[in-house]
């Protein structure tokens, strides 16, 4: 059976596991390097050396990364975008990106335009796409030096013809232009879908650079196995596919942790508490997969409607700084990947949550004597403070008072004492909890989703739904799933009488196991 490597490149650490089937052969945790790729090289090289496995025996490499989340949150390394709404003469009342945070729009130097085209809810065209308008767009792209174009047509998930037509005409004029189309990214709902498409377009340049760095790292290691990227629904796609849809990697880190926690603990329904070096994330797993967020959700102040896991975060982690200037405070500042040289127990001079945990007897890492001099009052107040924050986070995550276990994962989870958290009776800390996120990345599931509004009569219902199921399953296979493993995982049908007597919104998700070859 071929080996698989799972990597999670976080803001503090790069975690790595080597797996064969369901067995973990080797694992390690290394500080994330500033250039990212050298940290990956070090982690993978150590894995292969420890397990005495040749690079040629690796059948697949899966990587989860926070690169794109950080880019949006920090408003940096975003490409310049021309956002085009294909809608005239309708849908002009609300401007493109009208409610965006100004600093985010400025970070991607956002430009906007509206042109003729799009569809009504039943797929019939609003107007024809005009070649002269496309030529004007191409000129704007060249004059403004735009990195990418985001195309959003009215009711594109019902009929993508307008978006595809504009894309083809733009590529005939500018063959190398990066283009994102909304029907491939978001769901029904023009403004939220448009926002998601713009965000995706702004990340295309960074995706190209980032994935090239990943490929270079593997080439340096002489690992020739296919590279896959973790998505935020707990599945993976090829690096080439992910390069066109980087927005689907947002929150893939917490998702990997949840998937890994379910795998390691054997709990398919639970709350996962993932404590890293900078933040603590909490989310629910249902049937082994992360609970999905509501259809509309905010990404860094922007309303979107593409799929996302329901994850809540707080600024507390193992590397959180502990200060006393205005009472005892833990975080949100963190020493991050510098914890190995900044924390007291590792020879540094910064008081961190890890130092306090060692002084309180919750953890045994580094030089315990270095934390022995901490004021006992500070220690107690700091420990109480972060446990209160974590308890509130868990309460916000649960959906009912029904009993569910809490799975503790992440290297920073050594600062958590279950005895100090009220309202939850069962806590599980599985083996390999330190690298649950890398384990989650290495569990090779592949998905595909169809989201359409259709006019379905009683006579055509069965035939229409079967056609969509087959389309979703075929898409999963094209994404890399082994055909024999693909099944329909979720199916939602919602009547939309406001549009038509027989209009229904249909969402179908197919799921399968990644086909890995030696």
Protein backbone atom coordinates (compact mmCIF):
# COMPACT_ATOMS: atom_id res chain seq x y z
CA UNK A 1 0.00 0.00 0.00
CA UNK A 2 1.51 3.41 -0.98
CA UNK A 3 2.48 5.87 1.73
CA UNK A 4 0.74 9.22 2.13
CA UNK A 5 2.16 12.40 3.61
CA UNK A 6 -0.13 14.91 5.32
CA UNK A 7 1.12 18.43 6.08
CA UNK A 8 -0.53 21.36 7.80
CA UNK A 9 1.35 24.63 7.39
CA UNK A 10 0.17 26.87 10.22
CA UNK A 11 1.22 30.27 11.46
CA UNK A 12 3.26 28.71 14.29
CA UNK A 13 4.16 25.17 13.26
CA UNK A 14 4.31 22.93 10.23
CA UNK A 15 2.96 19.53 11.26
CA UNK A 16 3.65 16.40 9.25
CA UNK A 17 2.56 12.75 9.30
CA UNK A 18 3.46 9.72 7.20
CA UNK A 19 0.60 7.24 6.88
CA UNK A 20 0.08 3.82 5.34
CA UNK A 21 -3.58 2.87 5.20
CA UNK A 22 -5.02 3.88 8.57
CA UNK A 23 -1.67 3.61 10.38
CA UNK A 24 0.56 6.53 11.36
CA UNK A 25 4.13 5.49 10.54
CA UNK A 26 5.91 8.69 11.65
CA UNK A 27 5.13 12.27 12.63
CA UNK A 28 6.86 15.51 13.56
CA UNK A 29 6.21 19.15 14.32
CA UNK A 30 8.55 21.89 13.09
CA UNK A 31 8.40 25.70 13.36
CA UNK A 32 6.92 27.21 10.20
CA UNK A 33 9.67 28.90 8.21
CA UNK A 34 9.35 32.43 6.86
CA UNK A 35 9.58 31.11 3.29
CA UNK A 36 7.27 28.14 4.10
CA UNK A 37 8.94 25.76 1.62
CA UNK A 38 12.11 25.20 3.66
CA UNK A 39 9.96 24.25 6.66
CA UNK A 40 8.14 21.70 4.50
CA UNK A 41 11.43 20.28 3.23
CA UNK A 42 12.74 19.87 6.78
CA UNK A 43 9.55 18.23 8.04
CA UNK A 44 9.22 15.77 5.15
CA UNK A 45 12.93 14.92 5.10
CA UNK A 46 12.79 14.05 8.80
CA UNK A 47 9.67 11.95 8.26
CA UNK A 48 11.23 9.86 5.51
CA UNK A 49 14.50 9.49 7.44
CA UNK A 50 12.78 8.37 10.65
CA UNK A 51 10.58 5.83 8.87
CA UNK A 52 13.39 4.77 6.48
CA UNK A 53 10.99 5.14 3.59
CA UNK A 54 12.32 6.10 0.14
CA UNK A 55 10.79 9.15 -1.52
CA UNK A 56 9.61 6.99 -4.42
CA UNK A 57 7.32 5.00 -2.11
CA UNK A 58 5.12 8.04 -1.41
CA UNK A 59 1.90 7.89 -3.44
CA UNK A 60 0.36 11.23 -2.49
CA UNK A 61 1.13 14.41 -0.56
CA UNK A 62 -1.69 16.44 0.99
CA UNK A 63 -1.11 19.98 2.28
CA UNK A 64 -3.35 22.25 4.30
CA UNK A 65 -2.32 25.89 4.55
CA UNK A 66 -3.38 29.14 6.22
CA UNK A 67 -1.73 31.26 3.52
CA UNK A 68 -4.95 32.44 1.94
CA UNK A 69 -6.82 33.02 5.17
CA UNK A 70 -3.93 35.13 6.42
CA UNK A 71 -3.78 37.10 3.17
CA UNK A 72 -7.44 38.13 3.45
CA UNK A 73 -7.35 38.82 7.19
CA UNK A 74 -4.10 40.79 7.02
CA UNK A 75 -5.01 42.53 3.73
CA UNK A 76 -1.69 41.66 2.12
CA UNK A 77 -0.42 39.95 -1.04
CA UNK A 78 -3.82 40.33 -2.70
CA UNK A 79 -3.98 40.70 -6.47
CA UNK A 80 -5.59 43.64 -8.28
CA UNK A 81 -9.11 42.70 -9.39
CA UNK A 82 -11.62 43.95 -11.94
CA UNK A 83 -15.05 42.78 -10.73
CA UNK A 84 -17.59 42.49 -13.55
CA UNK A 85 -21.31 42.03 -12.93
CA UNK A 86 -23.07 40.60 -16.00
CA UNK A 87 -26.60 41.86 -15.48
CA UNK A 88 -27.66 44.87 -17.57
CA UNK A 89 -30.25 46.21 -17.93
CA UNK A 90 -31.33 44.68 -14.56
CA UNK A 91 -29.69 44.30 -11.11
CA UNK A 92 -28.10 47.76 -10.98
CA UNK A 93 -29.62 49.15 -7.76
CA UNK A 94 -26.82 47.91 -5.49
CA UNK A 95 -23.22 48.65 -6.61
CA UNK A 96 -20.58 45.94 -6.74
CA UNK A 97 -18.81 45.51 -3.38
CA UNK A 98 -20.97 48.29 -1.89
CA UNK A 99 -20.57 47.13 1.74
CA UNK A 100 -16.96 45.94 1.72
CA UNK A 101 -14.48 47.15 4.35
CA UNK A 102 -12.68 50.00 2.63
CA UNK A 103 -9.20 48.76 3.54
CA UNK A 104 -9.89 45.35 1.96
CA UNK A 105 -11.13 46.85 -1.31
CA UNK A 106 -8.11 49.15 -1.34
CA UNK A 107 -5.73 46.24 -0.66
CA UNK A 108 -6.84 44.56 -3.89
CA UNK A 109 -7.17 47.92 -5.71
CA UNK A 110 -10.65 46.82 -6.67
CA UNK A 111 -12.23 48.12 -9.87
CA UNK A 112 -15.82 47.38 -10.93
CA UNK A 113 -17.95 47.25 -14.06
CA UNK A 114 -21.42 46.20 -15.21
CA UNK A 115 -22.19 44.80 -18.66
CA UNK A 116 -25.17 43.27 -20.49
CA UNK A 117 -26.09 39.62 -20.03
CA UNK A 118 -27.10 37.20 -17.29
CA UNK A 119 -30.22 35.11 -16.80
CA UNK A 120 -33.57 35.04 -15.06
CA UNK A 121 -34.35 32.41 -12.42
CA UNK A 122 -35.59 30.01 -15.09
CA UNK A 123 -32.38 30.28 -17.10
CA UNK A 124 -33.78 32.48 -19.87
CA UNK A 125 -31.37 35.27 -20.91
CA UNK A 126 -31.88 38.81 -19.61
CA UNK A 127 -29.91 40.21 -22.54
CA UNK A 128 -27.18 39.21 -24.96
CA UNK A 129 -23.50 39.65 -24.15
CA UNK A 130 -22.09 42.53 -26.29
CA UNK A 131 -18.64 42.06 -27.88
CA UNK A 132 -17.87 45.81 -27.68
CA UNK A 133 -18.31 45.72 -23.90
CA UNK A 134 -15.90 42.78 -23.66
CA UNK A 135 -13.33 44.70 -25.71
CA UNK A 136 -13.68 47.64 -23.29
CA UNK A 137 -13.08 45.30 -20.36
CA UNK A 138 -9.91 43.94 -21.97
CA UNK A 139 -8.60 47.48 -22.43
CA UNK A 140 -9.30 48.29 -18.78
CA UNK A 141 -7.43 45.18 -17.68
CA UNK A 142 -4.37 46.16 -19.69
CA UNK A 143 -4.42 49.85 -18.77
CA UNK A 144 -4.94 49.16 -15.06
CA UNK A 145 -2.58 46.17 -14.93
CA UNK A 146 -5.21 43.96 -13.28
CA UNK A 147 -4.06 40.56 -12.04
CA UNK A 148 -7.45 38.91 -12.39
CA UNK A 149 -11.09 39.39 -13.37
CA UNK A 150 -14.11 38.22 -11.34
CA UNK A 151 -17.20 37.46 -13.45
CA UNK A 152 -20.62 37.30 -11.78
CA UNK A 153 -23.79 36.90 -13.83
CA UNK A 154 -27.35 37.06 -12.54
CA UNK A 155 -28.57 33.52 -11.73
CA UNK A 156 -25.34 32.00 -13.03
CA UNK A 157 -25.83 28.77 -10.99
CA UNK A 158 -28.99 28.22 -13.06
CA UNK A 159 -27.42 29.18 -16.40
CA UNK A 160 -23.69 29.77 -16.71
CA UNK A 161 -23.85 30.68 -20.41
CA UNK A 162 -23.21 34.41 -19.93
CA UNK A 163 -20.17 33.91 -17.69
CA UNK A 164 -18.67 31.31 -20.00
CA UNK A 165 -19.26 33.52 -23.05
CA UNK A 166 -17.54 36.52 -21.44
CA UNK A 167 -14.66 34.34 -20.25
CA UNK A 168 -14.08 32.94 -23.74
CA UNK A 169 -14.16 36.36 -25.37
CA UNK A 170 -11.78 37.84 -22.79
CA UNK A 171 -9.37 34.93 -23.25
CA UNK A 172 -9.46 35.43 -27.03
CA UNK A 173 -8.13 38.95 -26.39
CA UNK A 174 -5.96 38.24 -23.32
CA UNK A 175 -5.05 34.51 -23.32
CA UNK A 176 -3.09 34.60 -20.03
CA UNK A 177 -5.67 36.52 -18.00
CA UNK A 178 -6.72 34.88 -14.71
CA UNK A 179 -10.55 34.71 -14.51
CA UNK A 180 -12.86 33.53 -11.72
CA UNK A 181 -16.49 32.69 -12.56
CA UNK A 182 -19.16 32.83 -9.88
CA UNK A 183 -21.08 29.72 -10.94
CA UNK A 184 -18.01 27.66 -10.02
CA UNK A 185 -17.60 29.26 -6.58
CA UNK A 186 -20.75 30.54 -4.86
CA UNK A 187 -24.37 29.60 -4.47
CA UNK A 188 -27.68 31.23 -5.34
CA UNK A 189 -27.71 34.84 -4.13
CA UNK A 190 -26.14 37.44 -6.39
CA UNK A 191 -24.32 39.75 -3.96
CA UNK A 192 -22.85 37.06 -1.70
CA UNK A 193 -21.78 34.97 -4.69
CA UNK A 194 -20.23 38.03 -6.30
CA UNK A 195 -18.27 38.79 -3.13
CA UNK A 196 -16.92 35.24 -2.93
CA UNK A 197 -15.84 35.39 -6.57
CA UNK A 198 -13.99 38.67 -6.06
CA UNK A 199 -12.15 37.26 -3.04
CA UNK A 200 -11.18 34.18 -5.05
CA UNK A 201 -9.87 36.30 -7.93
CA UNK A 202 -7.77 38.37 -5.51
CA UNK A 203 -6.03 35.19 -4.29
CA UNK A 204 -5.17 33.68 -7.69
CA UNK A 205 -1.73 35.30 -7.95
CA UNK A 206 -0.79 34.22 -4.42
CA UNK A 207 -2.08 30.70 -5.15
CA UNK A 208 0.16 30.42 -8.19
CA UNK A 209 3.22 31.49 -6.16
CA UNK A 210 2.37 29.39 -3.09
CA UNK A 211 1.70 26.15 -4.90
CA UNK A 212 4.81 26.63 -7.01
CA UNK A 213 6.74 26.80 -3.73
CA UNK A 214 5.12 23.57 -2.55
CA UNK A 215 6.02 21.82 -5.81
CA UNK A 216 9.60 23.12 -5.58
CA UNK A 217 9.90 21.75 -2.04
CA UNK A 218 8.76 18.29 -3.14
CA UNK A 219 11.10 18.35 -6.13
CA UNK A 220 13.99 19.14 -3.79
CA UNK A 221 13.03 16.06 -1.77
CA UNK A 222 12.72 13.98 -4.97
CA UNK A 223 9.11 13.21 -4.07
CA UNK A 224 7.30 12.75 -7.38
CA UNK A 225 3.88 11.86 -5.94
CA UNK A 226 0.85 13.98 -6.88
CA UNK A 227 0.23 17.02 -4.68
CA UNK A 228 -3.23 17.63 -3.24
CA UNK A 229 -4.54 20.61 -1.27
CA UNK A 230 -6.98 20.50 1.63
CA UNK A 231 -10.32 22.25 1.21
CA UNK A 232 -12.54 23.67 3.92
CA UNK A 233 -15.12 20.88 3.66
CA UNK A 234 -12.68 18.21 4.85
CA UNK A 235 -11.75 16.92 1.40
CA UNK A 236 -8.79 17.39 -0.95
CA UNK A 237 -8.33 18.42 -4.57
CA UNK A 238 -5.35 18.45 -6.91
CA UNK A 239 -3.00 21.39 -6.56
CA UNK A 240 -3.85 22.40 -10.14
CA UNK A 241 -7.55 22.52 -9.29
CA UNK A 242 -6.95 24.37 -6.01
CA UNK A 243 -4.86 26.97 -7.83
CA UNK A 244 -8.04 28.16 -9.54
CA UNK A 245 -10.17 28.07 -6.36
CA UNK A 246 -7.96 29.18 -3.44
CA UNK A 247 -11.01 30.52 -1.58
CA UNK A 248 -12.05 26.92 -0.90
CA UNK A 249 -8.98 26.49 1.31
CA UNK A 250 -10.13 29.18 3.78
CA UNK A 251 -10.53 27.58 7.23
CA UNK A 252 -9.02 24.31 5.96
CA UNK A 253 -6.69 24.28 8.99
CA UNK A 254 -9.49 23.95 11.58
CA UNK A 255 -11.30 21.56 9.22
CA UNK A 256 -8.25 19.31 9.03
CA UNK A 257 -8.06 19.30 12.82
CA UNK A 258 -11.70 18.29 13.11
CA UNK A 259 -11.36 15.50 10.55
CA UNK A 260 -8.14 14.32 12.19
CA UNK A 261 -9.74 14.44 15.65
CA UNK A 262 -12.66 12.29 14.48
CA UNK A 263 -10.28 9.78 12.90
CA UNK A 264 -7.92 9.55 15.88
CA UNK A 265 -10.63 9.37 18.55
CA UNK A 266 -13.18 7.23 16.72
CA UNK A 267 -15.85 9.81 17.62
CA UNK A 268 -18.01 10.74 14.62
CA UNK A 269 -20.17 13.21 16.56
CA UNK A 270 -18.36 15.55 18.92
CA UNK A 271 -17.01 19.03 19.54
CA UNK A 272 -13.38 19.51 18.60
CA UNK A 273 -11.21 21.96 20.54
CA UNK A 274 -8.02 22.67 18.60
CA UNK A 275 -5.47 24.69 20.59
CA UNK A 276 -2.57 26.00 18.54
CA UNK A 277 0.19 28.45 19.28
CA UNK A 278 -1.85 31.57 18.54
CA UNK A 279 -5.56 30.70 18.55
CA UNK A 280 -8.01 28.12 19.80
CA UNK A 281 -10.63 26.90 17.31
CA UNK A 282 -13.81 25.03 18.13
CA UNK A 283 -16.23 23.29 15.79
CA UNK A 284 -18.66 20.40 15.72
CA UNK A 285 -18.24 17.23 13.72
CA UNK A 286 -21.32 15.40 12.51
CA UNK A 287 -20.92 11.96 10.97
CA UNK A 288 -17.16 12.54 10.89
CA UNK A 289 -17.29 15.83 8.96
CA UNK A 290 -17.36 19.46 10.09
CA UNK A 291 -20.78 21.03 10.59
CA UNK A 292 -21.33 23.49 7.77
CA UNK A 293 -21.86 27.19 8.43
CA UNK A 294 -25.15 28.86 7.42
CA UNK A 295 -25.54 29.64 3.72
CA UNK A 296 -24.51 33.26 4.25
CA UNK A 297 -21.45 34.02 6.34
CA UNK A 298 -18.87 36.75 6.70
CA UNK A 299 -15.23 36.45 5.64
CA UNK A 300 -13.16 39.30 7.07
CA UNK A 301 -16.16 41.65 6.94
CA UNK A 302 -17.47 40.48 3.54
CA UNK A 303 -20.77 38.58 3.18
CA UNK A 304 -20.35 35.41 1.12
CA UNK A 305 -22.29 32.20 0.42
CA UNK A 306 -19.75 29.57 -0.57
CA UNK A 307 -19.37 26.49 1.62
CA UNK A 308 -17.53 26.97 4.91
CA UNK A 309 -17.22 24.96 8.13
CA UNK A 310 -18.83 26.45 11.23
CA UNK A 311 -15.76 27.32 13.30
CA UNK A 312 -15.36 29.81 16.14
CA UNK A 313 -11.98 31.09 17.30
CA UNK A 314 -10.45 32.98 20.22
CA UNK A 315 -7.01 34.52 20.55
CA UNK A 316 -5.65 32.08 23.13
CA UNK A 317 -2.98 29.47 22.46
CA UNK A 318 0.20 27.96 23.80
CA UNK A 319 2.24 30.91 22.56
CA UNK A 320 -0.12 33.62 23.88
CA UNK A 321 1.70 36.29 25.85
CA UNK A 322 0.70 36.84 29.48
CA UNK A 323 0.84 40.48 30.59
CA UNK A 324 0.06 42.33 33.83
CA UNK A 325 0.02 45.99 32.76
CA UNK A 326 -3.77 46.25 33.14
CA UNK A 327 -4.62 43.17 35.18
CA UNK A 328 -3.61 39.68 34.07
CA UNK A 329 -4.29 39.26 30.34
CA UNK A 330 -3.70 36.22 28.13
CA UNK A 331 -3.38 36.98 24.40
CA UNK A 332 -4.47 37.80 21.81
CA UNK A 333 -0.82 38.61 21.08
CA UNK A 334 1.36 35.54 20.61
CA UNK A 335 5.02 34.78 20.06
CA UNK A 336 3.85 32.38 17.33
CA UNK A 337 6.53 30.20 15.78
CA UNK A 338 9.15 32.00 17.90
CA UNK A 339 7.89 30.18 21.03
CA UNK A 340 10.87 27.82 20.89
CA UNK A 341 13.19 30.73 21.65
CA UNK A 342 10.89 33.31 23.31
CA UNK A 343 9.10 31.31 26.04
CA UNK A 344 10.72 31.13 29.48
CA UNK A 345 10.83 27.33 29.50
CA UNK A 346 12.75 27.38 26.22
CA UNK A 347 15.33 29.92 27.36
CA UNK A 348 13.53 33.11 26.34
CA UNK A 349 12.27 36.13 28.27
CA UNK A 350 8.58 36.31 27.33
CA UNK A 351 5.94 34.92 29.68
CA UNK A 352 3.60 32.72 27.62
CA UNK A 353 0.59 30.55 28.36
CA UNK A 354 2.88 27.53 28.05
CA UNK A 355 5.13 28.90 30.82
CA UNK A 356 2.11 29.46 33.06
CA UNK A 357 0.80 25.97 32.29
CA UNK A 358 4.16 24.47 33.28
CA UNK A 359 4.20 26.50 36.51
CA UNK A 360 0.63 25.34 37.27
CA UNK A 361 1.52 21.69 36.72
CA UNK A 362 -0.69 21.35 33.64
CA UNK A 363 2.21 20.71 31.25
CA UNK A 364 5.71 19.32 31.42
CA UNK A 365 7.78 20.76 28.59
CA UNK A 366 11.10 22.57 28.44
CA UNK A 367 12.91 23.71 31.58
CA UNK A 368 10.38 23.61 34.42
CA UNK A 369 12.72 25.53 36.71
CA UNK A 370 12.59 28.52 34.34
CA UNK A 371 8.88 28.97 35.15
CA UNK A 372 9.14 28.19 38.85
CA UNK A 373 9.64 31.85 39.76
CA UNK A 374 6.31 33.05 38.35
CA UNK A 375 4.02 34.75 40.90
CA UNK A 376 1.48 32.09 42.07
CA UNK A 377 -1.28 34.70 41.91
CA UNK A 378 -0.44 35.51 38.29
CA UNK A 379 -0.41 31.81 37.49
CA UNK A 380 -3.84 31.18 39.00
CA UNK A 381 -5.45 34.26 37.45
CA UNK A 382 -4.03 33.50 34.00
CA UNK A 383 -5.09 29.83 34.08
CA UNK A 384 -8.59 30.84 35.25
CA UNK A 385 -8.84 33.50 32.55
CA UNK A 386 -8.08 31.26 29.60
CA UNK A 387 -10.27 28.45 30.85
CA UNK A 388 -13.20 30.87 31.12
CA UNK A 389 -12.63 31.94 27.53
CA UNK A 390 -12.43 28.32 26.34
CA UNK A 391 -15.56 27.34 28.28
CA UNK A 392 -17.51 30.17 26.63
CA UNK A 393 -16.18 29.09 23.24
CA UNK A 394 -17.38 25.53 23.78
CA UNK A 395 -20.81 26.73 24.91
CA UNK A 396 -21.13 28.84 21.77
CA UNK A 397 -20.21 25.81 19.64
CA UNK A 398 -22.71 23.31 21.02
CA UNK A 399 -26.10 23.22 19.27
CA UNK A 400 -28.05 21.57 22.11
CA UNK A 401 -27.71 20.40 25.70
CA UNK A 402 -27.34 16.82 24.52
CA UNK A 403 -24.19 15.04 25.67
CA UNK A 404 -21.31 15.12 23.21
CA UNK A 405 -17.64 14.46 23.93
CA UNK A 406 -15.03 17.20 23.52
CA UNK A 407 -11.91 16.09 21.64
CA UNK A 408 -8.74 17.98 22.59
CA UNK A 409 -6.15 18.31 19.83
CA UNK A 410 -3.32 20.62 18.84
CA UNK A 411 0.07 21.08 20.45
CA UNK A 412 -1.28 23.93 22.57
CA UNK A 413 -3.95 21.74 24.15
CA UNK A 414 -1.47 20.90 26.92
CA UNK A 415 -2.60 24.17 28.57
CA UNK A 416 -6.20 22.86 28.93
CA UNK A 417 -7.34 21.20 32.16
CA UNK A 418 -10.77 19.55 31.61
CA UNK A 419 -11.42 19.75 35.36
CA UNK A 420 -11.62 23.53 35.07
CA UNK A 421 -14.31 23.50 32.35
CA UNK A 422 -17.94 23.22 33.43
CA UNK A 423 -20.87 21.82 31.44
CA UNK A 424 -19.02 19.08 29.54
CA UNK A 425 -18.72 15.63 31.05
CA UNK A 426 -16.39 13.85 28.64
CA UNK A 427 -13.04 14.97 27.26
CA UNK A 428 -10.90 12.87 24.91
CA UNK A 429 -7.24 13.51 24.12
CA UNK A 430 -6.33 10.89 21.49
CA UNK A 431 -2.89 9.60 20.57
CA UNK A 432 -1.14 11.90 18.08
CA UNK A 433 -3.32 14.81 19.25
CA UNK A 434 -0.39 17.14 18.55
CA UNK A 435 -0.65 16.58 14.79
CA UNK A 436 -4.38 15.98 14.31
CA UNK A 437 -4.42 18.67 11.63
CA UNK A 438 -1.80 16.85 9.55
CA UNK A 439 -3.68 13.58 10.04
CA UNK A 440 -6.84 15.29 8.79
CA UNK A 441 -4.97 16.44 5.70
CA UNK A 442 -3.77 12.89 5.06
CA UNK A 443 -7.27 11.35 5.06
CA UNK A 444 -7.92 11.43 1.33
CA UNK A 445 -11.60 12.16 0.70
CA UNK A 446 -12.83 13.93 -2.45
CA UNK A 447 -16.12 15.79 -2.87
CA UNK A 448 -18.21 17.56 -5.49
CA UNK A 449 -21.31 19.70 -5.04
CA UNK A 450 -24.16 20.75 -7.31
CA UNK A 451 -26.36 23.73 -6.28
CA UNK A 452 -29.13 24.60 -8.77
CA UNK A 453 -32.58 26.11 -9.02
CA UNK A 454 -34.75 23.93 -11.26
CA UNK A 455 -38.37 23.81 -12.33
CA UNK A 456 -39.31 20.28 -11.24
CA UNK A 457 -42.79 18.95 -11.86
CA UNK A 458 -44.09 15.74 -10.26
CA UNK A 459 -43.64 14.05 -13.62
CA UNK A 460 -40.01 15.13 -14.07
CA UNK A 461 -38.86 15.00 -10.41
CA UNK A 462 -37.22 11.56 -10.39
CA UNK A 463 -35.49 12.04 -13.73
CA UNK A 464 -34.22 15.53 -12.85
CA UNK A 465 -32.81 14.48 -9.47
CA UNK A 466 -31.14 11.38 -10.89
CA UNK A 467 -29.45 13.53 -13.53
CA UNK A 468 -28.07 15.88 -10.86
CA UNK A 469 -26.89 12.98 -8.69
CA UNK A 470 -25.04 11.48 -11.65
CA UNK A 471 -23.52 14.87 -12.46
CA UNK A 472 -22.27 15.30 -8.88
CA UNK A 473 -20.80 11.79 -8.80
CA UNK A 474 -19.09 12.26 -12.16
CA UNK A 475 -17.62 15.54 -10.93
CA UNK A 476 -16.24 13.80 -7.82
CA UNK A 477 -14.55 11.22 -10.05
CA UNK A 478 -13.06 13.98 -12.22
CA UNK A 479 -11.72 15.54 -9.00
CA UNK A 480 -9.80 12.35 -8.25
CA UNK A 481 -12.17 10.03 -6.38
CA UNK A 482 -12.15 6.32 -7.10
CA UNK A 483 -15.40 5.70 -8.99
CA UNK A 484 -16.36 2.63 -6.93
CA UNK A 485 -16.23 4.65 -3.68
CA UNK A 486 -18.39 7.62 -4.69
CA UNK A 487 -21.74 8.04 -2.97
CA UNK A 488 -24.24 10.84 -2.43
CA UNK A 489 -23.40 12.28 1.01
CA UNK A 490 -25.93 15.11 1.29
CA UNK A 491 -29.07 16.09 -0.57
CA UNK A 492 -31.30 19.09 0.14
CA UNK A 493 -34.40 20.05 -1.87
CA UNK A 494 -36.15 23.30 -1.01
CA UNK A 495 -39.28 24.53 -2.75
CA UNK A 496 -39.08 28.17 -3.89
CA UNK A 497 -42.72 29.09 -4.67
CA UNK A 498 -41.88 32.79 -4.92
CA UNK A 499 -40.10 32.06 -8.20
CA UNK A 500 -42.46 29.51 -9.77
CA UNK A 501 -45.06 26.92 -8.80
CA UNK A 502 -42.57 24.12 -9.36
CA UNK A 503 -39.24 25.88 -8.68
CA UNK A 504 -36.90 24.07 -6.27
CA UNK A 505 -33.40 24.74 -5.03
CA UNK A 506 -31.45 21.47 -5.16
CA UNK A 507 -28.11 20.91 -3.43
CA UNK A 508 -26.41 17.56 -3.90
CA UNK A 509 -22.97 16.61 -2.56
CA UNK A 510 -21.06 13.53 -3.66
CA UNK A 511 -18.18 12.05 -1.67
CA UNK A 512 -15.53 9.44 -2.46
CA UNK A 513 -12.06 8.21 -1.52
CA UNK A 514 -9.05 9.65 -3.31
CA UNK A 515 -7.47 7.20 -5.71
CA UNK A 516 -3.82 6.88 -4.63
CA UNK A 517 -1.27 4.96 -6.67
CA UNK A 518 2.22 3.87 -5.72
